[in-house]
Amino acid sequence: MFFRFIFFAFIGYILLYIIKLLLKVFMGPPKNPNVKTGDDKTTKQPPENLVDKRKAVDADFEDLK
């Protein structure tokens, strides 16, 4: 009786491991939006609102000159 419990627990653990492995293979690595990768083209350009703020600050400095 006890050996049967150990056997089924071991089989269940192996099945869970295989399911987790298949999910990892088909879903790919987890996507973390906070981590910036080097091949992302959008990280090289500042956001649009930053560009607008810089233009506004440059215009203010032009007015001061």
N, C-alpha and C. Protein backbone atom coordinates (compact mmCIF):
# COMPACT_ATOMS: atom_id res chain seq x y z
N MET A 1 0.84 -1.20 0.00
CA MET A 1 0.00 0.00 0.00
C MET A 1 0.88 1.25 0.00
N PHE A 2 1.85 1.27 0.88
CA PHE A 2 2.72 2.46 0.96
C PHE A 2 3.56 2.61 -0.30
N PHE A 3 4.02 1.49 -0.86
CA PHE A 3 4.83 1.56 -2.07
C PHE A 3 4.00 2.01 -3.27
N ARG A 4 2.72 1.67 -3.27
CA ARG A 4 1.85 2.12 -4.34
C ARG A 4 1.69 3.64 -4.28
N PHE A 5 1.56 4.18 -3.07
CA PHE A 5 1.46 5.64 -2.91
C PHE A 5 2.72 6.33 -3.42
N ILE A 6 3.88 5.80 -3.06
CA ILE A 6 5.14 6.39 -3.52
C ILE A 6 5.23 6.32 -5.04
N PHE A 7 4.81 5.18 -5.61
CA PHE A 7 4.88 5.01 -7.06
C PHE A 7 4.01 6.04 -7.77
N PHE A 8 2.75 6.22 -7.34
CA PHE A 8 1.86 7.16 -8.01
C PHE A 8 2.28 8.60 -7.76
N ALA A 9 2.84 8.88 -6.60
CA ALA A 9 3.34 10.24 -6.35
C ALA A 9 4.51 10.55 -7.28
N PHE A 10 5.37 9.58 -7.48
CA PHE A 10 6.51 9.77 -8.37
C PHE A 10 6.05 9.97 -9.81
N ILE A 11 5.08 9.16 -10.25
CA ILE A 11 4.54 9.30 -11.61
C ILE A 11 3.87 10.66 -11.77
N GLY A 12 3.12 11.11 -10.77
CA GLY A 12 2.47 12.42 -10.85
C GLY A 12 3.48 13.55 -10.91
N TYR A 13 4.56 13.43 -10.15
CA TYR A 13 5.60 14.46 -10.17
C TYR A 13 6.25 14.53 -11.55
N ILE A 14 6.51 13.37 -12.15
CA ILE A 14 7.12 13.35 -13.47
C ILE A 14 6.17 13.97 -14.50
N LEU A 15 4.88 13.65 -14.40
CA LEU A 15 3.92 14.22 -15.34
C LEU A 15 3.84 15.74 -15.19
N LEU A 16 3.85 16.25 -13.97
CA LEU A 16 3.83 17.70 -13.77
C LEU A 16 5.09 18.35 -14.35
N TYR A 17 6.22 17.69 -14.18
CA TYR A 17 7.47 18.23 -14.72
C TYR A 17 7.42 18.28 -16.25
N ILE A 18 6.87 17.22 -16.86
CA ILE A 18 6.79 17.19 -18.33
C ILE A 18 5.84 18.27 -18.83
N ILE A 19 4.71 18.48 -18.15
CA ILE A 19 3.76 19.52 -18.55
C ILE A 19 4.41 20.90 -18.43
N LYS A 20 5.14 21.12 -17.34
CA LYS A 20 5.81 22.41 -17.16
C LYS A 20 6.86 22.63 -18.24
N LEU A 21 7.58 21.58 -18.59
CA LEU A 21 8.59 21.69 -19.64
C LEU A 21 7.96 21.99 -20.99
N LEU A 22 6.84 21.33 -21.30
CA LEU A 22 6.17 21.59 -22.57
C LEU A 22 5.62 23.01 -22.62
N LEU A 23 5.08 23.49 -21.52
CA LEU A 23 4.60 24.87 -21.49
C LEU A 23 5.74 25.85 -21.74
N LYS A 24 6.89 25.58 -21.13
CA LYS A 24 8.03 26.47 -21.31
C LYS A 24 8.50 26.46 -22.76
N VAL A 25 8.46 25.29 -23.40
CA VAL A 25 8.91 25.19 -24.79
C VAL A 25 7.95 25.92 -25.72
N PHE A 26 6.65 25.73 -25.54
CA PHE A 26 5.70 26.31 -26.49
C PHE A 26 5.38 27.77 -26.19
N MET A 27 5.44 28.20 -24.95
CA MET A 27 5.12 29.59 -24.63
C MET A 27 6.35 30.49 -24.76
N GLY A 28 7.52 29.95 -24.75
CA GLY A 28 8.72 30.76 -24.84
C GLY A 28 9.11 31.28 -23.47
N PRO A 29 10.20 32.04 -23.41
CA PRO A 29 10.61 32.60 -22.12
C PRO A 29 9.61 33.65 -21.65
N PRO A 30 9.50 33.86 -20.36
CA PRO A 30 8.56 34.86 -19.86
C PRO A 30 8.95 36.25 -20.30
N LYS A 31 7.96 37.03 -20.70
CA LYS A 31 8.21 38.39 -21.18
C LYS A 31 8.08 39.36 -20.02
N ASN A 32 9.17 40.05 -19.70
CA ASN A 32 9.16 41.04 -18.63
C ASN A 32 9.27 42.41 -19.27
N PRO A 33 8.23 43.23 -19.18
CA PRO A 33 8.29 44.54 -19.85
C PRO A 33 9.31 45.49 -19.24
N ASN A 34 9.76 45.23 -17.99
CA ASN A 34 10.70 46.14 -17.35
C ASN A 34 12.14 45.90 -17.79
N VAL A 35 12.41 44.73 -18.34
CA VAL A 35 13.77 44.41 -18.78
C VAL A 35 13.92 44.84 -20.23
N LYS A 36 14.92 45.67 -20.49
CA LYS A 36 15.15 46.15 -21.85
C LYS A 36 16.20 45.28 -22.51
N THR A 37 15.87 44.80 -23.69
CA THR A 37 16.82 43.99 -24.44
C THR A 37 17.58 44.86 -25.41
N GLY A 38 18.74 44.42 -25.83
CA GLY A 38 19.57 45.22 -26.71
C GLY A 38 19.04 45.30 -28.12
N ASP A 39 18.23 44.33 -28.55
CA ASP A 39 17.77 44.32 -29.93
C ASP A 39 16.45 45.05 -30.11
N ASP A 40 15.96 45.71 -29.10
CA ASP A 40 14.70 46.41 -29.21
C ASP A 40 14.96 47.79 -29.81
N LYS A 41 14.28 48.10 -30.89
CA LYS A 41 14.51 49.38 -31.59
C LYS A 41 13.88 50.56 -30.84
N THR A 42 12.83 50.30 -30.06
CA THR A 42 12.14 51.42 -29.43
C THR A 42 12.92 52.00 -28.26
N THR A 43 13.89 51.26 -27.71
CA THR A 43 14.62 51.80 -26.56
C THR A 43 15.66 52.84 -26.99
N LYS A 44 15.98 52.89 -28.27
CA LYS A 44 16.99 53.83 -28.72
C LYS A 44 16.43 55.24 -28.92
N GLN A 45 15.11 55.35 -29.04
CA GLN A 45 14.49 56.65 -29.23
C GLN A 45 13.72 57.03 -27.97
N PRO A 46 13.81 58.30 -27.56
CA PRO A 46 13.03 58.70 -26.38
C PRO A 46 11.54 58.73 -26.72
N PRO A 47 10.70 58.63 -25.71
CA PRO A 47 9.26 58.70 -25.97
C PRO A 47 8.87 60.06 -26.56
N GLU A 48 7.70 60.07 -27.20
CA GLU A 48 7.25 61.29 -27.90
C GLU A 48 7.05 62.45 -26.94
N ASN A 49 6.53 62.19 -25.74
CA ASN A 49 6.28 63.30 -24.83
C ASN A 49 7.59 63.94 -24.37
N LEU A 50 8.67 63.13 -24.28
CA LEU A 50 9.96 63.71 -23.93
C LEU A 50 10.48 64.60 -25.05
N VAL A 51 10.27 64.18 -26.28
CA VAL A 51 10.72 65.00 -27.42
C VAL A 51 9.97 66.31 -27.44
N ASP A 52 8.66 66.28 -27.18
CA ASP A 52 7.87 67.51 -27.16
C ASP A 52 8.34 68.43 -26.03
N LYS A 53 8.66 67.87 -24.87
CA LYS A 53 9.13 68.70 -23.76
C LYS A 53 10.47 69.34 -24.10
N ARG A 54 11.35 68.58 -24.75
CA ARG A 54 12.64 69.15 -25.13
C ARG A 54 12.47 70.28 -26.13
N LYS A 55 11.56 70.11 -27.08
CA LYS A 55 11.31 71.18 -28.05
C LYS A 55 10.76 72.42 -27.36
N ALA A 56 9.89 72.20 -26.38
CA ALA A 56 9.33 73.34 -25.65
C ALA A 56 10.41 74.05 -24.85
N VAL A 57 11.31 73.30 -24.22
CA VAL A 57 12.39 73.92 -23.45
C VAL A 57 13.34 74.66 -24.38
N ASP A 58 13.65 74.05 -25.54
CA ASP A 58 14.50 74.74 -26.51
C ASP A 58 13.86 76.03 -26.98
N ALA A 59 12.55 76.01 -27.20
CA ALA A 59 11.86 77.23 -27.64
C ALA A 59 11.92 78.28 -26.54
N ASP A 60 11.79 77.89 -25.28
CA ASP A 60 11.88 78.85 -24.18
C ASP A 60 13.28 79.47 -24.12
N PHE A 61 14.32 78.68 -24.33
CA PHE A 61 15.67 79.23 -24.32
C PHE A 61 15.89 80.17 -25.51
N GLU A 62 15.27 79.85 -26.64
CA GLU A 62 15.39 80.75 -27.79
C GLU A 62 14.73 82.09 -27.49
N ASP A 63 13.62 82.05 -26.75
CA ASP A 63 12.94 83.29 -26.38
C ASP A 63 13.80 84.12 -25.43
N LEU A 64 14.58 83.46 -24.57
CA LEU A 64 15.41 84.19 -23.62
C LEU A 64 16.59 84.87 -24.30
N LYS A 65 17.04 84.33 -25.43
CA LYS A 65 18.19 84.94 -26.11
C LYS A 65 17.81 86.17 -26.79
